[in-house]
Amino acid sequence: MKQLWLFLSCILPLLGQPALHVDLGGEWRQSEGDNPAFAQPAFDDRAWRRIQLPAIVEPPLGITWLRRQVILPEWADASQLTLTLGTFAETYEVYVNGQKVRELGHLGELHRNKYLPRPSTMAIPAGLASPGRPLTLAL
C-alpha cells in the first residue's frame, strides 16, 4: 500500500491542471462591416449592438463581426488553450487578442451552405493569452 501511495503522489502532479472550461455564451458585441481594426483588443466596441449567444437566428447577409472579452483564472495554464465554437454555416475568421487563429473559406467569397456546419476546435498559440488578463475574441 505504501508503494501505491508513493507512486500516486509522484504521478498525479504530472497529470497537470484540471481542464478549464469557460462558457462563451452570454453577451457579445456585434456590428456589420469590415475593418481589420475590429480584431484588435484595444478597439472600442462599446457602441456596437449587444446580443446574447448562443441564439438560433438567421445570420445577416454580408460581413458581421462578433466580439467578446473573457478573463482567464489566475491558475489557468495559458500555454495549452483551445477554443471550440458552435456551428457556422458561413465562412469565418477567428482572432484571439488580434491574431488570426482560424479561417474557414475566404471572406471575399461568401458561399452560404458551402461548408457543412459543425463545431470547430482550434488551438490558441502560446503567448496570446495570460491568466488574469482580458482575452479578446473576435469573429
Protein backbone atom coordinates (compact mmCIF):
# COMPACT_ATOMS: atom_id res chain seq x y z
CA MET A 1 0.00 0.00 0.00
CA LYS A 2 2.86 2.35 0.81
CA GLN A 3 4.32 1.81 -2.67
CA LEU A 4 0.98 2.58 -4.32
CA TRP A 5 0.69 5.84 -2.37
CA LEU A 6 4.24 6.79 -3.34
CA PHE A 7 3.50 6.03 -6.99
CA LEU A 8 0.31 8.11 -6.96
CA SER A 9 1.98 11.02 -5.18
CA CYS A 10 4.63 11.09 -7.91
CA ILE A 11 2.35 10.63 -10.92
CA LEU A 12 -0.57 12.93 -10.01
CA PRO A 13 1.39 16.19 -10.43
CA LEU A 14 2.36 15.03 -13.93
CA LEU A 15 -1.27 14.83 -14.96
CA GLY A 16 -1.41 18.62 -14.95
CA GLN A 17 -4.14 21.02 -14.10
CA PRO A 18 -7.82 20.22 -14.30
CA ALA A 19 -9.45 21.12 -17.60
CA LEU A 20 -10.57 24.72 -17.82
CA HIS A 21 -13.98 25.26 -19.43
CA VAL A 22 -15.09 28.84 -19.99
CA ASP A 23 -18.65 29.20 -21.25
CA LEU A 24 -18.66 31.77 -24.04
CA GLY A 25 -22.43 32.02 -24.00
CA GLY A 26 -23.84 35.35 -22.96
CA GLU A 27 -23.39 38.90 -24.12
CA TRP A 28 -21.35 39.55 -27.25
CA ARG A 29 -20.92 42.75 -29.27
CA GLN A 30 -21.97 42.69 -32.93
CA SER A 31 -21.52 45.06 -35.87
CA GLU A 32 -21.76 44.94 -39.65
CA GLY A 33 -18.96 45.97 -41.97
CA ASP A 34 -15.34 45.04 -42.23
CA ASN A 35 -12.33 46.68 -40.70
CA PRO A 36 -9.20 44.79 -39.59
CA ALA A 37 -9.05 47.04 -36.51
CA PHE A 38 -12.17 45.26 -35.19
CA ALA A 39 -9.97 42.28 -34.23
CA GLN A 40 -7.60 44.34 -32.06
CA PRO A 41 -8.02 44.13 -28.27
CA ALA A 42 -7.85 47.93 -27.86
CA PHE A 43 -10.69 48.57 -30.33
CA ASP A 44 -13.62 50.34 -28.63
CA ASP A 45 -16.75 48.31 -29.35
CA ARG A 46 -19.00 49.92 -26.73
CA ALA A 47 -21.25 51.42 -29.43
CA TRP A 48 -21.84 48.02 -31.04
CA ARG A 49 -25.16 46.18 -30.66
CA ARG A 50 -25.34 43.77 -27.70
CA ILE A 51 -26.57 40.27 -28.49
CA GLN A 52 -26.96 37.07 -26.50
CA LEU A 53 -25.29 33.92 -27.80
CA PRO A 54 -25.95 31.18 -28.43
CA ALA A 55 -29.02 32.14 -30.41
CA ILE A 56 -30.90 30.50 -33.22
CA VAL A 57 -31.26 33.27 -35.74
CA GLU A 58 -30.79 33.68 -39.45
CA PRO A 59 -27.35 35.26 -39.88
CA PRO A 60 -27.30 38.69 -41.50
CA LEU A 61 -26.12 38.97 -45.09
CA GLY A 62 -22.70 40.44 -45.59
CA ILE A 63 -19.82 40.68 -43.19
CA THR A 64 -20.62 40.73 -39.49
CA TRP A 65 -18.22 40.95 -36.57
CA LEU A 66 -18.72 39.48 -33.10
CA ARG A 67 -16.51 40.40 -30.14
CA ARG A 68 -16.25 39.34 -26.54
CA GLN A 69 -13.68 39.57 -23.75
CA VAL A 70 -13.15 36.93 -21.10
CA ILE A 71 -10.64 36.79 -18.26
CA LEU A 72 -8.82 33.54 -17.62
CA PRO A 73 -8.48 32.46 -13.99
CA GLU A 74 -5.10 33.16 -12.38
CA TRP A 75 -4.40 29.42 -12.12
CA ALA A 76 -5.06 28.69 -15.82
CA ASP A 77 -2.31 27.17 -17.95
CA ALA A 78 -2.41 29.59 -20.89
CA SER A 79 0.20 27.60 -22.84
CA GLN A 80 -2.27 24.89 -23.89
CA LEU A 81 -5.58 26.59 -24.62
CA THR A 82 -8.10 25.60 -27.25
CA LEU A 83 -11.25 27.34 -28.37
CA THR A 84 -14.36 25.48 -29.50
CA LEU A 85 -17.05 27.34 -31.40
CA GLY A 86 -20.52 26.15 -32.27
CA THR A 87 -21.76 25.63 -35.79
CA PHE A 88 -21.27 28.22 -38.50
CA ALA A 89 -22.72 27.87 -42.00
CA GLU A 90 -20.67 30.72 -43.44
CA THR A 91 -17.04 31.43 -43.98
CA TYR A 92 -15.37 32.97 -40.96
CA GLU A 93 -12.16 34.12 -39.32
CA VAL A 94 -11.34 33.84 -35.61
CA TYR A 95 -8.98 36.26 -33.87
CA VAL A 96 -7.59 35.96 -30.35
CA ASN A 97 -6.06 39.15 -28.97
CA GLY A 98 -5.73 40.49 -32.52
CA GLN A 99 -4.05 37.43 -34.06
CA LYS A 100 -5.88 35.24 -36.58
CA VAL A 101 -6.04 31.66 -35.29
CA ARG A 102 -8.54 30.13 -37.75
CA GLU A 103 -10.08 30.77 -41.13
CA LEU A 104 -12.74 28.79 -42.97
CA GLY A 105 -13.21 29.77 -46.60
CA HIS A 106 -12.38 33.25 -47.83
CA LEU A 107 -14.32 36.25 -46.59
CA GLY A 108 -14.21 37.88 -50.03
CA GLU A 109 -16.22 34.93 -51.37
CA LEU A 110 -19.18 34.25 -49.09
CA HIS A 111 -20.70 30.91 -50.03
CA ARG A 112 -23.82 30.19 -48.00
CA ASN A 113 -24.07 26.50 -47.07
CA LYS A 114 -20.88 25.58 -48.93
CA TYR A 115 -19.41 24.11 -45.76
CA LEU A 116 -21.01 21.52 -43.56
CA PRO A 117 -21.92 23.35 -40.34
CA ARG A 118 -20.20 21.71 -37.39
CA PRO A 119 -18.43 22.75 -34.19
CA SER A 120 -14.80 23.70 -34.65
CA THR A 121 -11.91 23.47 -32.18
CA MET A 122 -8.70 25.40 -32.68
CA ALA A 123 -5.50 25.81 -30.68
CA ILE A 124 -4.71 29.24 -29.24
CA PRO A 125 -0.98 29.81 -29.79
CA ALA A 126 1.07 30.00 -26.59
CA GLY A 127 1.78 33.58 -25.57
CA LEU A 128 -1.53 35.03 -26.82
CA ALA A 129 -3.31 34.62 -23.50
CA SER A 130 -2.26 35.40 -19.94
CA PRO A 131 -4.01 34.27 -16.76
CA GLY A 132 -5.86 37.10 -15.03
CA ARG A 133 -5.78 39.34 -18.13
CA PRO A 134 -8.53 40.02 -20.70
CA LEU A 135 -8.67 37.70 -23.71
CA THR A 136 -10.38 39.33 -26.70
CA LEU A 137 -12.20 37.02 -29.09
CA ALA A 138 -13.25 38.48 -32.45
CA LEU A 139 -15.05 36.58 -35.17
